[in-house]
Amino acid sequence: MIKVILCDDHAMVRRGIRDTISEAVDIQVVGEAGSYPELREQLRKSPCDVLVLDLNMPGRGG
């Protein structure tokens, strides 16, 4: 199982990616974040294999 965390400041974008990924049987979204502080917390709680990260977020750019 491939574990994925999504990070984007737009909830609708995260939802679209999550809904698309949910169609795959071997991929699981284990966390979502809307900011860098939330992302750091998610990474502490749930290690992942793949991070889908918005590179242009408020407060900190990729």
Protein backbone atom coordinates (compact mmCIF):
# COMPACT_ATOMS: atom_id res chain seq x y z
CA MET A 1 0.00 0.00 0.00
CA ILE A 2 1.38 3.41 -0.99
CA LYS A 3 0.71 6.02 1.70
CA VAL A 4 0.13 9.61 0.52
CA ILE A 5 -0.19 12.96 2.33
CA LEU A 6 -1.79 15.88 0.50
CA CYS A 7 -0.81 19.48 1.21
CA ASP A 8 -2.57 22.37 -0.49
CA ASP A 9 -4.11 25.54 0.90
CA HIS A 10 -7.24 25.01 -1.23
CA ALA A 11 -9.59 22.39 0.24
CA MET A 12 -11.29 21.81 -3.12
CA VAL A 13 -7.96 20.93 -4.75
CA ARG A 14 -7.17 18.49 -1.92
CA ARG A 15 -10.62 16.93 -2.29
CA GLY A 16 -10.22 16.51 -6.04
CA ILE A 17 -6.84 14.85 -5.67
CA ARG A 18 -8.12 12.66 -2.81
CA ASP A 19 -11.17 11.57 -4.84
CA THR A 20 -8.97 10.74 -7.83
CA ILE A 21 -6.48 8.79 -5.73
CA SER A 22 -9.26 6.88 -3.95
CA GLU A 23 -9.99 5.07 -7.22
CA ALA A 24 -6.64 3.25 -6.97
CA VAL A 25 -6.74 0.11 -4.84
CA ASP A 26 -3.06 0.27 -3.83
CA ILE A 27 -2.90 3.95 -2.75
CA GLN A 28 -4.20 5.36 0.54
CA VAL A 29 -4.38 9.01 1.59
CA VAL A 30 -3.20 8.97 5.22
CA GLY A 31 -3.32 12.72 5.85
CA GLU A 32 -4.15 16.17 4.56
CA ALA A 33 -2.84 19.61 5.42
CA GLY A 34 -3.79 23.14 4.44
CA SER A 35 -0.61 24.83 5.68
CA TYR A 36 3.03 24.08 6.44
CA PRO A 37 2.45 23.82 10.23
CA GLU A 38 -0.35 21.34 9.59
CA LEU A 39 1.92 19.42 7.22
CA ARG A 40 4.66 19.12 9.82
CA GLU A 41 2.12 17.74 12.30
CA GLN A 42 0.78 15.25 9.75
CA LEU A 43 4.29 14.03 8.94
CA ARG A 44 4.94 13.42 12.64
CA LYS A 45 1.70 11.44 13.02
CA SER A 46 1.63 9.52 9.75
CA PRO A 47 4.78 8.70 7.83
CA CYS A 48 4.14 8.59 4.08
CA ASP A 49 5.71 7.28 0.91
CA VAL A 50 4.55 10.19 -1.28
CA LEU A 51 3.89 13.84 -0.48
CA VAL A 52 1.72 15.81 -2.91
CA LEU A 53 2.72 19.38 -2.12
CA ASP A 54 1.49 22.70 -3.48
CA LEU A 55 4.68 24.68 -4.15
CA ASN A 56 2.98 28.07 -4.04
CA MET A 57 1.37 28.39 -0.61
CA PRO A 58 0.88 31.52 1.51
CA GLY A 59 3.58 32.13 4.07
CA ARG A 60 6.14 29.84 2.53
CA GLY A 61 6.99 28.91 -1.04
CA GLY A 62 8.33 25.59 -2.23
